[in-house]
Amino acid sequence: MESQKSQATIKVCMHRDCKERGSAAVLQNLRDGLSREEAVVLTVDECMSYCALGPNIAINDNLVTGVKPFLAVETVRAELQNPSCKADGVGSRPLEDLDTLIDDIEKL
């Protein structure tokens, strides 16, 4: 029996800084480019942090920063196929871990 892929949840930050960096275009491209079977695309108004690196999205609660609108669909598909371990460690952590991560960074 072949296992069925589960639908991904994509959250696009629509907070002020990410919006200024193009998150509305990222959102539109994701909604246009991904099928309903691939992902549900949601907006969030709460800041995901890393504003200077935006626009930011969360793919199944893993944060991806600096998403280019014209590469948004390809970025999501690549992350779903092979989740990367970001250099800063954020890409491999759920959003719930951000507070701990920020506390750890502040201690450095």
Protein backbone atom coordinates (compact mmCIF):
# COMPACT_ATOMS: atom_id res chain seq x y z
CA MET A 1 0.00 0.00 0.00
CA GLU A 2 1.41 3.38 -1.04
CA SER A 3 1.52 6.08 1.63
CA GLN A 4 -0.36 9.25 0.86
CA LYS A 5 1.44 12.58 1.19
CA SER A 6 -0.11 14.90 3.72
CA GLN A 7 -1.12 18.43 2.90
CA ALA A 8 1.37 21.05 4.03
CA THR A 9 0.41 24.17 5.96
CA ILE A 10 2.08 27.35 4.75
CA LYS A 11 1.81 30.50 6.86
CA VAL A 12 2.79 33.80 5.25
CA CYS A 13 3.73 36.67 7.55
CA MET A 14 1.68 39.75 6.73
CA HIS A 15 3.13 41.88 9.51
CA ARG A 16 4.22 45.36 8.45
CA ASP A 17 7.91 44.65 7.78
CA CYS A 18 7.32 41.49 5.76
CA LYS A 19 4.54 43.21 3.82
CA GLU A 20 6.95 46.01 2.89
CA ARG A 21 9.40 43.36 1.65
CA GLY A 22 6.88 41.64 -0.61
CA SER A 23 4.90 39.12 1.42
CA ALA A 24 1.66 39.98 -0.44
CA ALA A 25 3.30 38.86 -3.71
CA VAL A 26 4.66 35.72 -1.99
CA LEU A 27 1.14 34.94 -0.75
CA GLN A 28 -0.41 35.40 -4.19
CA ASN A 29 2.23 33.30 -5.93
CA LEU A 30 1.80 30.49 -3.39
CA ARG A 31 -1.98 30.54 -3.74
CA ASP A 32 -1.72 30.57 -7.54
CA GLY A 33 1.08 28.01 -7.80
CA LEU A 34 0.30 25.34 -5.21
CA SER A 35 -2.59 22.93 -5.54
CA ARG A 36 -4.99 22.31 -2.65
CA GLU A 37 -3.58 18.81 -2.41
CA GLU A 38 -0.08 20.23 -1.88
CA ALA A 39 -0.77 22.90 0.71
CA VAL A 40 -3.16 25.18 2.45
CA VAL A 41 -1.81 28.75 2.39
CA LEU A 42 -2.71 30.98 5.34
CA THR A 43 -1.83 34.50 6.40
CA VAL A 44 -0.67 35.47 9.87
CA ASP A 45 -0.52 38.99 11.23
CA GLU A 46 1.69 38.12 14.19
CA CYS A 47 5.34 38.86 13.58
CA MET A 48 7.49 35.77 13.03
CA SER A 49 10.60 37.72 14.03
CA TYR A 50 13.55 37.98 11.67
CA CYS A 51 11.84 41.02 10.12
CA ALA A 52 15.04 42.24 8.50
CA LEU A 53 15.30 38.90 6.68
CA GLY A 54 11.69 38.86 5.40
CA PRO A 55 9.43 38.12 3.81
CA ASN A 56 9.07 35.16 6.11
CA ILE A 57 6.93 32.05 5.78
CA ALA A 58 6.45 28.97 7.92
CA ILE A 59 6.22 25.61 6.17
CA ASN A 60 4.65 23.14 8.57
CA ASP A 61 5.88 25.47 11.34
CA ASN A 62 9.47 25.58 10.08
CA LEU A 63 10.52 29.16 9.46
CA VAL A 64 11.97 30.13 6.07
CA THR A 65 13.26 33.69 5.71
CA GLY A 66 13.97 35.88 2.71
CA VAL A 67 11.46 34.24 0.39
CA LYS A 68 11.55 35.77 -3.08
CA PRO A 69 8.04 36.12 -4.58
CA PHE A 70 9.08 34.68 -7.95
CA LEU A 71 10.68 31.65 -6.24
CA ALA A 72 8.08 31.10 -3.50
CA VAL A 73 6.48 28.00 -5.01
CA GLU A 74 9.83 26.40 -5.82
CA THR A 75 11.12 27.23 -2.34
CA VAL A 76 8.14 25.54 -0.70
CA ARG A 77 8.34 22.46 -2.90
CA ALA A 78 12.07 22.11 -2.28
CA GLU A 79 11.59 22.42 1.49
CA LEU A 80 8.79 19.85 1.44
CA GLN A 81 10.91 17.38 -0.56
CA ASN A 82 14.04 17.82 1.52
CA PRO A 83 13.70 20.03 4.60
CA SER A 84 16.92 21.94 4.98
CA CYS A 85 18.86 22.60 8.11
CA LYS A 86 19.38 26.32 7.95
CA ALA A 87 22.75 27.72 8.98
CA ASP A 88 21.10 29.51 11.91
CA GLY A 89 19.12 26.42 12.88
CA VAL A 90 15.75 28.13 12.49
CA GLY A 91 14.62 26.15 9.45
CA SER A 92 14.67 22.91 11.37
CA ARG A 93 12.74 24.20 14.36
CA PRO A 94 9.01 24.78 14.84
CA LEU A 95 7.80 28.30 15.54
CA GLU A 96 7.07 27.33 19.15
CA ASP A 97 10.84 27.05 19.69
CA LEU A 98 11.57 30.62 18.61
CA ASP A 99 11.40 32.05 22.14
CA THR A 100 13.99 29.55 23.34
CA LEU A 101 16.15 30.20 20.28
CA ILE A 102 16.01 33.97 20.82
CA ASP A 103 16.88 33.53 24.51
CA ASP A 104 19.87 31.38 23.53
CA ILE A 105 21.06 33.97 21.00
CA GLU A 106 20.73 36.79 23.52
CA LYS A 107 22.98 34.87 25.95
CA LEU A 108 25.84 34.83 23.43
